[in-house]
Amino acid sequence: MIILFDLDGTLIDSTEAILECFHHAFSVHNAPLPSDDAIKALIGYPLDIMFADLGVEEASVWDYVATYKEEYRNISTQKTFLLENAREAVLMASKFATLGIVTTKTAEYSKILMEHFGLMEHFEVLIGREDVQNPKPHAEPILKALASLETEGKEIWMIGDTKLDLIAAQNAGVHSIGVLCGYETKAVLEIYTDCILRDTLEAIEQLYRKKISHT
């Protein structure tokens, strides 16, 4: 079995870091600050899309992204936390499956975070925003992750907390589980998957039961 995880809202909570970096970017560029709710509604999308949707002109988007990343580099490990049961989920999953991460976060910072939490060693692959032309919900990030793994004869699952994760799974032709420990509502997740669970540990427990029932 192969299990691919999203990061934000699935394994980690970086809401505080994300909001602070958006506040910093808008402040540095002397622009009106959008509401925190408006920012949080876009978490899961790539930064360039988030800034554009928050009203930044196309010509300035990448300047805002660069400012954001400078601040994120400074504060990410101090203001990002593992979600409840996330560590247990990864440790349990590593005992019966090959694991990967597929995120719209920058891969460089994602690896730093997972190393900070002592979990990176359990993942065989990590695909971030800079690794693909087309981020989730496109299939490319999942397919690129799978290209580096031995997939023959293995069930493949994507676990995520937003519709982007679940649509990407559909587009890549893999199974999906939506989790309610992140940013999307159950009503939205139900549109894109038949399997919705409380959190990532519950998802892993279900996949473990599924695996042993087939052995």
Protein backbone atom coordinates (compact mmCIF):
# COMPACT_ATOMS: atom_id res chain seq x y z
CA MET A 1 0.00 0.00 0.00
CA ILE A 2 1.10 3.56 -0.76
CA ILE A 3 -0.28 6.45 1.31
CA LEU A 4 0.22 10.06 0.23
CA PHE A 5 -0.47 12.85 2.70
CA ASP A 6 -1.27 16.50 2.31
CA LEU A 7 0.44 18.71 4.92
CA ASP A 8 -1.56 21.76 6.06
CA GLY A 9 -4.72 20.66 7.82
CA THR A 10 -3.83 16.99 7.43
CA LEU A 11 -0.59 16.56 9.39
CA ILE A 12 0.30 20.08 10.50
CA ASP A 13 -1.31 23.32 11.62
CA SER A 14 0.61 26.27 10.25
CA THR A 15 -2.30 28.71 10.37
CA GLU A 16 -0.50 31.09 12.72
CA ALA A 17 2.62 31.15 10.56
CA ILE A 18 0.62 31.58 7.35
CA LEU A 19 -1.45 34.47 8.69
CA GLU A 20 1.59 36.23 10.12
CA CYS A 21 3.43 35.95 6.81
CA PHE A 22 0.47 37.31 4.86
CA HIS A 23 0.19 40.21 7.31
CA HIS A 24 3.91 40.85 6.84
CA ALA A 25 3.73 40.78 3.03
CA PHE A 26 0.80 43.17 2.80
CA SER A 27 2.42 45.48 5.35
CA VAL A 28 5.78 45.56 3.54
CA HIS A 29 4.05 46.39 0.27
CA ASN A 30 1.81 49.03 1.90
CA ALA A 31 -1.37 47.29 0.80
CA PRO A 32 -4.70 46.92 2.62
CA LEU A 33 -4.72 43.78 4.75
CA PRO A 34 -7.40 41.22 3.89
CA SER A 35 -9.31 39.55 6.70
CA ASP A 36 -7.92 36.44 8.33
CA ASP A 37 -11.04 34.57 7.24
CA ALA A 38 -10.36 35.50 3.62
CA ILE A 39 -6.80 34.21 3.92
CA LYS A 40 -7.78 30.99 5.70
CA ALA A 41 -10.41 30.25 3.05
CA LEU A 42 -7.58 29.95 0.50
CA ILE A 43 -5.16 27.78 2.49
CA GLY A 44 -4.25 24.80 0.36
CA TYR A 45 -3.83 26.80 -2.83
CA PRO A 46 -0.37 27.89 -4.05
CA LEU A 47 0.80 31.24 -2.70
CA ASP A 48 0.63 33.00 -6.07
CA ILE A 49 -3.02 32.04 -6.44
CA MET A 50 -3.76 33.07 -2.86
CA PHE A 51 -2.26 36.52 -3.30
CA ALA A 52 -4.01 37.02 -6.64
CA ASP A 53 -7.37 36.00 -5.16
CA LEU A 54 -6.75 38.43 -2.29
CA GLY A 55 -6.53 41.30 -4.76
CA VAL A 56 -2.82 41.62 -5.53
CA GLU A 57 -2.19 42.72 -9.10
CA GLU A 58 -0.65 40.08 -11.35
CA ALA A 59 2.53 42.09 -11.89
CA SER A 60 3.18 42.21 -8.14
CA VAL A 61 2.17 38.71 -7.08
CA TRP A 62 5.65 37.19 -7.09
CA ASP A 63 7.06 40.13 -5.12
CA TYR A 64 4.50 39.38 -2.41
CA VAL A 65 5.35 35.68 -2.56
CA ALA A 66 9.05 36.45 -2.11
CA THR A 67 8.32 38.69 0.89
CA TYR A 68 6.10 36.00 2.39
CA LYS A 69 8.78 33.34 2.00
CA GLU A 70 11.45 35.49 3.62
CA GLU A 71 9.30 35.80 6.73
CA TYR A 72 8.16 32.17 6.61
CA ARG A 73 11.77 31.02 6.65
CA ASN A 74 12.24 32.86 9.93
CA ILE A 75 9.12 31.77 11.81
CA SER A 76 7.83 28.53 10.32
CA THR A 77 9.29 26.04 12.79
CA GLN A 78 8.30 28.16 15.81
CA LYS A 79 4.72 28.75 14.67
CA THR A 80 3.80 25.45 13.05
CA PHE A 81 2.50 22.51 15.06
CA LEU A 82 1.67 18.88 14.47
CA LEU A 83 -2.05 18.25 14.53
CA GLU A 84 -3.40 16.05 17.29
CA ASN A 85 -2.69 12.37 16.53
CA ALA A 86 -0.60 13.25 13.46
CA ARG A 87 2.63 11.78 14.82
CA GLU A 88 0.85 8.59 15.82
CA ALA A 89 -0.71 8.40 12.35
CA VAL A 90 2.63 8.65 10.56
CA LEU A 91 4.34 6.15 12.85
CA MET A 92 1.52 3.66 12.47
CA ALA A 93 1.30 4.09 8.69
CA SER A 94 5.06 3.62 8.28
CA LYS A 95 4.74 0.10 9.65
CA PHE A 96 2.51 -1.17 6.85
CA ALA A 97 2.76 1.24 3.89
CA THR A 98 5.11 3.33 1.78
CA LEU A 99 4.55 7.00 2.61
CA GLY A 100 4.80 10.24 0.67
CA ILE A 101 3.84 13.90 1.00
CA VAL A 102 2.12 15.88 -1.76
CA THR A 103 1.71 19.54 -0.87
CA THR A 104 1.32 22.96 -2.43
CA LYS A 105 3.80 24.28 0.14
CA THR A 106 7.38 24.77 -0.98
CA ALA A 107 9.16 21.42 -0.75
CA GLU A 108 12.25 23.00 0.81
CA TYR A 109 10.32 24.40 3.77
CA SER A 110 8.13 21.30 4.04
CA LYS A 111 11.20 19.11 4.48
CA ILE A 112 12.59 21.48 7.11
CA LEU A 113 9.31 21.30 9.02
CA MET A 114 9.06 17.52 8.89
CA GLU A 115 12.70 17.17 9.95
CA HIS A 116 11.96 19.59 12.80
CA PHE A 117 9.16 17.27 13.93
CA GLY A 118 11.38 14.20 13.52
CA LEU A 119 9.13 12.59 10.91
CA MET A 120 10.83 13.14 7.55
CA GLU A 121 12.65 9.80 7.75
CA HIS A 122 9.32 7.99 7.40
CA PHE A 123 8.57 9.46 3.95
CA GLU A 124 10.03 8.12 0.72
CA VAL A 125 9.04 11.14 -1.38
CA LEU A 126 7.94 14.74 -0.90
CA ILE A 127 6.52 16.76 -3.78
CA GLY A 128 6.10 20.51 -3.27
CA ARG A 129 5.05 23.49 -5.34
CA GLU A 130 8.39 23.97 -7.06
CA ASP A 131 8.49 20.35 -8.21
CA VAL A 132 5.57 20.63 -10.64
CA GLN A 133 4.16 22.86 -13.34
CA ASN A 134 0.57 22.18 -12.29
CA PRO A 135 -0.25 22.01 -8.55
CA LYS A 136 -3.25 20.27 -7.00
CA PRO A 137 -6.05 19.83 -8.03
CA HIS A 138 -4.12 18.75 -11.15
CA ALA A 139 -2.96 15.12 -11.09
CA GLU A 140 0.69 16.05 -11.72
CA PRO A 141 1.90 16.23 -8.08
CA ILE A 142 0.47 12.81 -7.23
CA LEU A 143 1.71 11.24 -10.45
CA LYS A 144 5.18 12.70 -9.91
CA ALA A 145 5.30 11.28 -6.39
CA LEU A 146 4.24 7.86 -7.65
CA ALA A 147 6.82 7.93 -10.44
CA SER A 148 9.56 7.62 -7.83
CA LEU A 149 7.90 4.69 -6.03
CA GLU A 150 7.26 1.04 -6.81
CA THR A 151 3.52 1.02 -7.45
CA GLU A 152 2.82 -2.31 -9.14
CA GLY A 153 0.17 -4.30 -7.31
CA LYS A 154 -0.26 -1.69 -4.58
CA GLU A 155 -3.35 0.22 -3.51
CA ILE A 156 -2.70 3.95 -3.57
CA TRP A 157 -4.42 6.41 -1.23
CA MET A 158 -4.37 10.19 -0.90
CA ILE A 159 -5.34 11.67 2.48
CA GLY A 160 -6.21 15.36 2.59
CA ASP A 161 -8.42 17.97 4.17
CA THR A 162 -9.49 20.04 1.15
CA LYS A 163 -11.24 19.49 -2.14
CA LEU A 164 -7.92 20.16 -3.90
CA ASP A 165 -6.50 16.93 -2.45
CA LEU A 166 -9.56 14.89 -3.33
CA ILE A 167 -9.92 16.25 -6.87
CA ALA A 168 -6.21 15.63 -7.46
CA ALA A 169 -6.72 12.03 -6.33
CA GLN A 170 -9.64 11.63 -8.74
CA ASN A 171 -7.60 13.10 -11.57
CA ALA A 172 -4.69 10.77 -10.79
CA GLY A 173 -6.92 7.72 -10.52
CA VAL A 174 -6.13 6.91 -6.88
CA HIS A 175 -8.30 6.37 -3.80
CA SER A 176 -8.93 9.24 -1.39
CA ILE A 177 -9.91 9.94 2.20
CA GLY A 178 -11.08 13.35 3.36
CA VAL A 179 -10.25 14.36 6.93
CA LEU A 180 -12.06 16.91 9.08
CA CYS A 181 -9.03 18.15 11.04
CA GLY A 182 -8.27 20.91 8.54
CA TYR A 183 -9.82 23.70 6.54
CA GLU A 184 -12.73 22.22 4.57
CA THR A 185 -16.25 21.40 5.70
CA LYS A 186 -17.75 17.94 5.56
CA ALA A 187 -20.38 19.18 3.11
CA VAL A 188 -17.68 20.14 0.62
CA LEU A 189 -15.59 17.00 1.10
CA GLU A 190 -18.64 14.79 0.54
CA ILE A 191 -18.85 16.03 -3.03
CA TYR A 192 -15.46 14.54 -3.86
CA THR A 193 -15.06 11.36 -1.80
CA ASP A 194 -17.16 8.66 -0.19
CA CYS A 195 -14.77 8.33 2.75
CA ILE A 196 -14.61 11.16 5.30
CA LEU A 197 -13.09 10.63 8.73
CA ARG A 198 -12.38 12.68 11.83
CA ASP A 199 -8.61 12.94 11.46
CA THR A 200 -5.56 11.38 9.87
CA LEU A 201 -5.06 8.76 12.57
CA GLU A 202 -8.60 7.50 12.07
CA ALA A 203 -7.86 7.32 8.34
CA ILE A 204 -4.71 5.28 8.94
CA GLU A 205 -6.50 2.94 11.33
CA GLN A 206 -9.12 2.28 8.65
CA LEU A 207 -6.48 1.63 6.00
CA TYR A 208 -4.66 -0.75 8.35
CA ARG A 209 -7.85 -2.72 8.93
CA LYS A 210 -8.39 -2.80 5.18
CA LYS A 211 -4.87 -4.06 4.55
CA ILE A 212 -4.94 -6.87 7.11
CA SER A 213 -8.37 -7.99 5.89
CA HIS A 214 -6.80 -8.62 2.47
CA THR A 215 -3.83 -10.61 3.77
